[in-house]
PDB file of all heavy atoms in Angstrom:
ATOM      1  N   LYS A   1     158.230 144.317  86.236  1.00  0.00           N
ATOM      2  CA  LYS A   1     157.661 145.738  85.665  1.00  0.00           C
ATOM      3  C   LYS A   1     156.255 146.039  86.061  1.00  0.00           C
ATOM      4  O   LYS A   1     155.654 147.149  85.669  1.00  0.00           O
ATOM      5  CB  LYS A   1     157.839 145.834  84.039  1.00  0.00           C
ATOM      6  CG  LYS A   1     159.288 145.633  83.656  1.00  0.00           C
ATOM      7  CD  LYS A   1     159.389 145.581  82.230  1.00  0.00           C
ATOM      8  CE  LYS A   1     160.824 145.452  81.687  1.00  0.00           C
ATOM      9  NZ  LYS A   1     160.801 145.393  80.153  1.00  0.00           N
ATOM     10  N   VAL A   2     155.593 145.146  86.622  1.00  0.00           N
ATOM     11  CA  VAL A   2     154.143 145.329  87.003  1.00  0.00           C
ATOM     12  C   VAL A   2     153.910 146.522  88.029  1.00  0.00           C
ATOM     13  O   VAL A   2     154.776 146.730  88.971  1.00  0.00           O
ATOM     14  CB  VAL A   2     153.544 144.037  87.654  1.00  0.00           C
ATOM     15  CG1 VAL A   2     152.370 144.326  88.507  1.00  0.00           C
ATOM     16  CG2 VAL A   2     153.212 143.056  86.522  1.00  0.00           C
ATOM     17  N   GLN A   3     152.970 147.287  87.897  1.00  0.00           N
ATOM     18  CA  GLN A   3     152.575 148.409  88.812  1.00  0.00           C
ATOM     19  C   GLN A   3     151.488 147.928  89.591  1.00  0.00           C
ATOM     20  O   GLN A   3     150.483 147.489  89.221  1.00  0.00           O
ATOM     21  CB  GLN A   3     152.196 149.659  87.974  1.00  0.00           C
ATOM     22  CG  GLN A   3     153.343 150.087  87.097  1.00  0.00           C
ATOM     23  CD  GLN A   3     154.539 150.767  87.911  1.00  0.00           C
ATOM     24  OE1 GLN A   3     154.305 151.528  88.820  1.00  0.00           O
ATOM     25  NE2 GLN A   3     155.764 150.337  87.629  1.00  0.00           N
ATOM     26  N   PHE A   4     151.480 148.138  91.025  1.00  0.00           N
ATOM     27  CA  PHE A   4     150.539 147.727  91.876  1.00  0.00           C
ATOM     28  C   PHE A   4     149.580 148.995  92.061  1.00  0.00           C
ATOM     29  O   PHE A   4     149.766 149.997  92.841  1.00  0.00           O
ATOM     30  CB  PHE A   4     151.046 147.431  93.188  1.00  0.00           C
ATOM     31  CG  PHE A   4     150.104 146.884  94.314  1.00  0.00           C
ATOM     32  CD1 PHE A   4     149.031 146.009  93.912  1.00  0.00           C
ATOM     33  CD2 PHE A   4     150.063 147.276  95.610  1.00  0.00           C
ATOM     34  CE1 PHE A   4     148.187 145.580  94.864  1.00  0.00           C
ATOM     35  CE2 PHE A   4     149.217 146.998  96.580  1.00  0.00           C
ATOM     36  CZ  PHE A   4     148.195 145.949  96.197  1.00  0.00           C
ATOM     37  N   ASN A   5     148.495 149.085  91.345  1.00  0.00           N
ATOM     38  CA  ASN A   5     147.646 150.239  91.243  1.00  0.00           C
ATOM     39  C   ASN A   5     146.269 149.823  90.872  1.00  0.00           C
ATOM     40  O   ASN A   5     145.817 148.591  91.020  1.00  0.00           O
ATOM     41  CB  ASN A   5     148.165 151.183  90.174  1.00  0.00           C
ATOM     42  CG  ASN A   5     148.463 150.515  88.833  1.00  0.00           C
ATOM     43  OD1 ASN A   5     147.704 149.371  88.486  1.00  0.00           O
ATOM     44  ND2 ASN A   5     149.165 151.105  87.859  1.00  0.00           N
ATOM     45  N   GLN A   6     145.386 150.711  90.595  1.00  0.00           N
ATOM     46  CA  GLN A   6     143.921 150.476  90.357  1.00  0.00           C
ATOM     47  C   GLN A   6     143.751 149.314  89.138  1.00  0.00           C
ATOM     48  O   GLN A   6     142.855 148.563  89.261  1.00  0.00           O
ATOM     49  CB  GLN A   6     143.165 151.640  90.207  1.00  0.00           C
ATOM     50  CG  GLN A   6     141.553 151.518  90.185  1.00  0.00           C
ATOM     51  CD  GLN A   6     140.956 152.867  90.195  1.00  0.00           C
ATOM     52  OE1 GLN A   6     141.415 153.782  90.648  1.00  0.00           O
ATOM     53  NE2 GLN A   6     139.800 152.850  89.463  1.00  0.00           N
ATOM     54  N   ALA A   7     144.550 149.655  88.159  1.00  0.00           N
ATOM     55  CA  ALA A   7     144.503 148.679  86.972  1.00  0.00           C
ATOM     56  C   ALA A   7     144.788 147.161  87.323  1.00  0.00           C
ATOM     57  O   ALA A   7     144.141 146.431  86.904  1.00  0.00           O
ATOM     58  CB  ALA A   7     145.394 149.150  85.924  1.00  0.00           C
ATOM     59  N   PHE A   8     145.725 147.083  88.290  1.00  0.00           N
ATOM     60  CA  PHE A   8     146.138 145.921  88.720  1.00  0.00           C
ATOM     61  C   PHE A   8     145.022 145.165  89.572  1.00  0.00           C
ATOM     62  O   PHE A   8     144.633 144.075  89.213  1.00  0.00           O
ATOM     63  CB  PHE A   8     147.437 145.907  89.725  1.00  0.00           C
ATOM     64  CG  PHE A   8     147.917 144.742  90.337  1.00  0.00           C
ATOM     65  CD1 PHE A   8     148.992 143.928  89.754  1.00  0.00           C
ATOM     66  CD2 PHE A   8     147.293 144.264  91.496  1.00  0.00           C
ATOM     67  CE1 PHE A   8     149.349 142.900  90.305  1.00  0.00           C
ATOM     68  CE2 PHE A   8     147.732 143.121  92.056  1.00  0.00           C
ATOM     69  CZ  PHE A   8     148.724 142.401  91.490  1.00  0.00           C
ATOM     70  N   LEU A   9     144.364 145.953  90.494  1.00  0.00           N
ATOM     71  CA  LEU A   9     143.250 145.464  91.208  1.00  0.00           C
ATOM     72  C   LEU A   9     142.033 145.104  90.307  1.00  0.00           C
ATOM     73  O   LEU A   9     141.486 144.003  90.434  1.00  0.00           O
ATOM     74  CB  LEU A   9     142.859 146.609  92.082  1.00  0.00           C
ATOM     75  CG  LEU A   9     143.794 146.926  93.347  1.00  0.00           C
ATOM     76  CD1 LEU A   9     143.110 148.097  94.096  1.00  0.00           C
ATOM     77  CD2 LEU A   9     143.832 145.728  94.236  1.00  0.00           C
ATOM     78  N   LYS A  10     141.766 145.913  89.275  1.00  0.00           N
ATOM     79  CA  LYS A  10     140.635 145.570  88.383  1.00  0.00           C
ATOM     80  C   LYS A  10     140.914 144.212  87.581  1.00  0.00           C
ATOM     81  O   LYS A  10     139.930 143.366  87.563  1.00  0.00           O
ATOM     82  CB  LYS A  10     140.569 146.725  87.418  1.00  0.00           C
ATOM     83  CG  LYS A  10     139.392 146.492  86.361  1.00  0.00           C
ATOM     84  CD  LYS A  10     139.335 147.662  85.379  1.00  0.00           C
ATOM     85  CE  LYS A  10     138.262 147.328  84.316  1.00  0.00           C
ATOM     86  NZ  LYS A  10     138.186 148.389  83.315  1.00  0.00           N
ATOM     87  N   LYS A  11     142.199 144.020  87.036  1.00  0.00           N
ATOM     88  CA  LYS A  11     142.442 142.885  86.357  1.00  0.00           C
ATOM     89  C   LYS A  11     142.387 141.494  87.281  1.00  0.00           C
ATOM     90  O   LYS A  11     141.777 140.664  86.838  1.00  0.00           O
ATOM     91  CB  LYS A  11     143.829 142.935  85.839  1.00  0.00           C
ATOM     92  CG  LYS A  11     144.213 141.804  84.964  1.00  0.00           C
ATOM     93  CD  LYS A  11     145.641 142.042  84.361  1.00  0.00           C
ATOM     94  CE  LYS A  11     145.913 140.813  83.294  1.00  0.00           C
ATOM     95  NZ  LYS A  11     147.389 141.072  82.692  1.00  0.00           N
ATOM     96  N   ARG A  12     142.765 141.712  88.453  1.00  0.00           N
ATOM     97  CA  ARG A  12     142.817 140.492  89.301  1.00  0.00           C
ATOM     98  C   ARG A  12     141.321 140.196  89.836  1.00  0.00           C
ATOM     99  O   ARG A  12     140.966 139.001  89.915  1.00  0.00           O
ATOM    100  CB  ARG A  12     143.693 140.733  90.490  1.00  0.00           C
ATOM    101  CG  ARG A  12     145.204 140.699  90.179  1.00  0.00           C
ATOM    102  CD  ARG A  12     145.797 139.409  89.793  1.00  0.00           C
ATOM    103  NE  ARG A  12     147.106 139.450  89.356  1.00  0.00           N
ATOM    104  CZ  ARG A  12     148.216 139.325  89.933  1.00  0.00           C
ATOM    105  NH1 ARG A  12     148.259 139.206  91.311  1.00  0.00           N
ATOM    106  NH2 ARG A  12     149.286 139.335  89.311  1.00  0.00           N
ATOM    107  N   ILE A  13     140.524 141.235  90.144  1.00  0.00           N
ATOM    108  CA  ILE A  13     139.266 141.030  90.636  1.00  0.00           C
ATOM    109  C   ILE A  13     138.303 140.493  89.425  1.00  0.00           C
ATOM    110  O   ILE A  13     137.532 139.499  89.587  1.00  0.00           O
ATOM    111  CB  ILE A  13     138.593 142.285  91.117  1.00  0.00           C
ATOM    112  CG1 ILE A  13     139.296 142.674  92.416  1.00  0.00           C
ATOM    113  CG2 ILE A  13     137.136 142.158  91.238  1.00  0.00           C
ATOM    114  CD1 ILE A  13     138.846 144.112  92.937  1.00  0.00           C
ATOM    115  N   GLN A  14     138.568 140.929  88.142  1.00  0.00           N
ATOM    116  CA  GLN A  14     137.886 140.420  87.101  1.00  0.00           C
ATOM    117  C   GLN A  14     138.149 138.878  86.848  1.00  0.00           C
ATOM    118  O   GLN A  14     137.324 138.089  86.498  1.00  0.00           O
ATOM    119  CB  GLN A  14     138.130 141.323  85.859  1.00  0.00           C
ATOM    120  CG  GLN A  14     137.450 142.581  85.848  1.00  0.00           C
ATOM    121  CD  GLN A  14     137.775 143.364  84.503  1.00  0.00           C
ATOM    122  OE1 GLN A  14     139.038 143.461  84.198  1.00  0.00           O
ATOM    123  NE2 GLN A  14     136.785 144.023  83.987  1.00  0.00           N
ATOM    124  N   ALA A  15     139.420 138.549  87.098  1.00  0.00           N
ATOM    125  CA  ALA A  15     139.856 137.130  86.877  1.00  0.00           C
ATOM    126  C   ALA A  15     139.175 136.252  87.917  1.00  0.00           C
ATOM    127  O   ALA A  15     138.768 135.214  87.745  1.00  0.00           O
ATOM    128  CB  ALA A  15     141.337 137.037  86.840  1.00  0.00           C
ATOM    129  N   ALA A  16     139.177 136.817  89.121  1.00  0.00           N
ATOM    130  CA  ALA A  16     138.450 136.034  90.193  1.00  0.00           C
ATOM    131  C   ALA A  16     136.955 135.885  89.975  1.00  0.00           C
ATOM    132  O   ALA A  16     136.384 134.835  90.205  1.00  0.00           O
ATOM    133  CB  ALA A  16     138.751 136.792  91.616  1.00  0.00           C
ATOM    134  N   GLN A  17     136.407 136.980  89.487  1.00  0.00           N
ATOM    135  CA  GLN A  17     134.900 136.940  89.139  1.00  0.00           C
ATOM    136  C   GLN A  17     134.692 135.807  88.066  1.00  0.00           C
ATOM    137  O   GLN A  17     133.640 135.146  88.229  1.00  0.00           O
ATOM    138  CB  GLN A  17     134.468 138.181  88.730  1.00  0.00           C
ATOM    139  CG  GLN A  17     132.918 138.251  88.407  1.00  0.00           C
ATOM    140  CD  GLN A  17     132.357 139.562  87.914  1.00  0.00           C
ATOM    141  OE1 GLN A  17     132.925 140.663  88.297  1.00  0.00           O
ATOM    142  NE2 GLN A  17     131.483 139.473  87.039  1.00  0.00           N
ATOM    143  N   ALA A  18     135.552 135.746  87.165  1.00  0.00           N
ATOM    144  CA  ALA A  18     135.244 134.819  86.041  1.00  0.00           C
ATOM    145  C   ALA A  18     135.209 133.387  86.608  1.00  0.00           C
ATOM    146  O   ALA A  18     134.478 132.508  86.167  1.00  0.00           O
ATOM    147  CB  ALA A  18     136.291 134.935  85.015  1.00  0.00           C
ATOM    148  N   LEU A  19     136.090 133.000  87.573  1.00  0.00           N
ATOM    149  CA  LEU A  19     136.051 131.614  88.186  1.00  0.00           C
ATOM    150  C   LEU A  19     134.817 131.468  89.014  1.00  0.00           C
ATOM    151  O   LEU A  19     134.301 130.434  88.933  1.00  0.00           O
ATOM    152  CB  LEU A  19     137.331 131.606  89.069  1.00  0.00           C
ATOM    153  CG  LEU A  19     137.444 130.229  89.904  1.00  0.00           C
ATOM    154  CD1 LEU A  19     137.546 129.090  88.939  1.00  0.00           C
ATOM    155  CD2 LEU A  19     138.596 130.291  90.787  1.00  0.00           C
ATOM    156  N   ARG A  20     134.340 132.556  89.668  1.00  0.00           N
ATOM    157  CA  ARG A  20     133.132 132.322  90.385  1.00  0.00           C
ATOM    158  C   ARG A  20     131.944 132.169  89.421  1.00  0.00           C
ATOM    159  O   ARG A  20     131.171 131.323  89.715  1.00  0.00           O
ATOM    160  CB  ARG A  20     132.822 133.522  91.295  1.00  0.00           C
ATOM    161  CG  ARG A  20     133.609 133.469  92.715  1.00  0.00           C
ATOM    162  CD  ARG A  20     135.102 133.474  92.486  1.00  0.00           C
ATOM    163  NE  ARG A  20     135.867 133.510  93.765  1.00  0.00           N
ATOM    164  CZ  ARG A  20     137.158 133.463  93.785  1.00  0.00           C
ATOM    165  NH1 ARG A  20     137.905 133.448  92.732  1.00  0.00           N
ATOM    166  NH2 ARG A  20     137.760 133.371  94.997  1.00  0.00           N
ATOM    167  N   GLU A  21     131.872 132.912  88.365  1.00  0.00           N
ATOM    168  CA  GLU A  21     130.776 132.852  87.491  1.00  0.00           C
ATOM    169  C   GLU A  21     130.777 131.448  86.807  1.00  0.00           C
ATOM    170  O   GLU A  21     129.754 130.988  86.333  1.00  0.00           O
ATOM    171  CB  GLU A  21     130.841 133.944  86.527  1.00  0.00           C
ATOM    172  CG  GLU A  21     130.494 135.333  87.051  1.00  0.00           C
ATOM    173  CD  GLU A  21     130.498 136.446  85.966  1.00  0.00           C
ATOM    174  OE1 GLU A  21     131.070 136.162  84.958  1.00  0.00           O
ATOM    175  OE2 GLU A  21     129.898 137.506  86.236  1.00  0.00           O
ATOM    176  N   ALA A  22     131.852 130.842  86.603  1.00  0.00           N
ATOM    177  CA  ALA A  22     131.945 129.614  86.064  1.00  0.00           C
ATOM    178  C   ALA A  22     131.327 128.420  87.049  1.00  0.00           C
ATOM    179  O   ALA A  22     131.043 127.396  86.569  1.00  0.00           O
ATOM    180  CB  ALA A  22     133.425 129.125  85.672  1.00  0.00           C
ATOM    181  N   ASN A  23     131.289 128.837  88.251  1.00  0.00           N
ATOM    182  CA  ASN A  23     130.774 127.718  89.277  1.00  0.00           C
ATOM    183  C   ASN A  23     129.518 127.979  89.929  1.00  0.00           C
ATOM    184  O   ASN A  23     128.846 127.180  90.458  1.00  0.00           O
ATOM    185  CB  ASN A  23     131.928 127.721  90.397  1.00  0.00           C
ATOM    186  CG  ASN A  23     133.114 126.957  89.986  1.00  0.00           C
ATOM    187  OD1 ASN A  23     133.146 125.763  90.009  1.00  0.00           O
ATOM    188  ND2 ASN A  23     134.172 127.681  89.688  1.00  0.00           N
ATOM    189  N   PHE A  24     129.151 129.342  89.815  1.00  0.00           N
ATOM    190  CA  PHE A  24     127.800 129.714  90.540  1.00  0.00           C
ATOM    191  C   PHE A  24     126.882 130.383  89.551  1.00  0.00           C
ATOM    192  O   PHE A  24     127.374 131.300  88.850  1.00  0.00           O
ATOM    193  CB  PHE A  24     128.043 130.434  91.780  1.00  0.00           C
ATOM    194  CG  PHE A  24     129.002 129.802  92.724  1.00  0.00           C
ATOM    195  CD1 PHE A  24     130.313 130.222  92.886  1.00  0.00           C
ATOM    196  CD2 PHE A  24     128.487 128.666  93.402  1.00  0.00           C
ATOM    197  CE1 PHE A  24     131.160 129.571  93.772  1.00  0.00           C
ATOM    198  CE2 PHE A  24     129.279 128.027  94.447  1.00  0.00           C
ATOM    199  CZ  PHE A  24     130.590 128.391  94.418  1.00  0.00           C
ATOM    200  N   ASP A  25     125.692 130.209  89.621  1.00  0.00           N
ATOM    201  CA  ASP A  25     124.647 130.843  88.859  1.00  0.00           C
ATOM    202  C   ASP A  25     124.102 132.269  89.409  1.00  0.00           C
ATOM    203  O   ASP A  25     123.805 133.042  88.618  1.00  0.00           O
ATOM    204  CB  ASP A  25     123.312 129.969  88.688  1.00  0.00           C
ATOM    205  CG  ASP A  25     123.626 128.711  87.985  1.00  0.00           C
ATOM    206  OD1 ASP A  25     124.557 128.663  87.175  1.00  0.00           O
ATOM    207  OD2 ASP A  25     122.975 127.723  88.210  1.00  0.00           O
ATOM    208  N   ALA A  26     124.271 132.345  90.785  1.00  0.00           N
ATOM    209  CA  ALA A  26     123.797 133.624  91.430  1.00  0.00           C
ATOM    210  C   ALA A  26     124.991 134.417  91.994  1.00  0.00           C
ATOM    211  O   ALA A  26     126.096 133.746  92.392  1.00  0.00           O
ATOM    212  CB  ALA A  26     122.782 133.342  92.502  1.00  0.00           C
ATOM    213  N   PRO A  27     124.810 135.652  92.178  1.00  0.00           N
ATOM    214  CA  PRO A  27     126.005 136.502  92.761  1.00  0.00           C
ATOM    215  C   PRO A  27     126.198 136.500  94.194  1.00  0.00           C
ATOM    216  O   PRO A  27     126.314 137.496  94.807  1.00  0.00           O
ATOM    217  CB  PRO A  27     125.707 137.844  92.126  1.00  0.00           C
ATOM    218  CG  PRO A  27     124.179 137.932  92.171  1.00  0.00           C
ATOM    219  CD  PRO A  27     123.735 136.533  91.782  1.00  0.00           C
TER     220      PRO A  27
END
């Protein structure tokens, strides 16, 4: 039922960012 749209991209990118922020202090 998932829609491949902007909301999908936002959710996945935010999840990816959380993993990076857990490992690195600088962007």
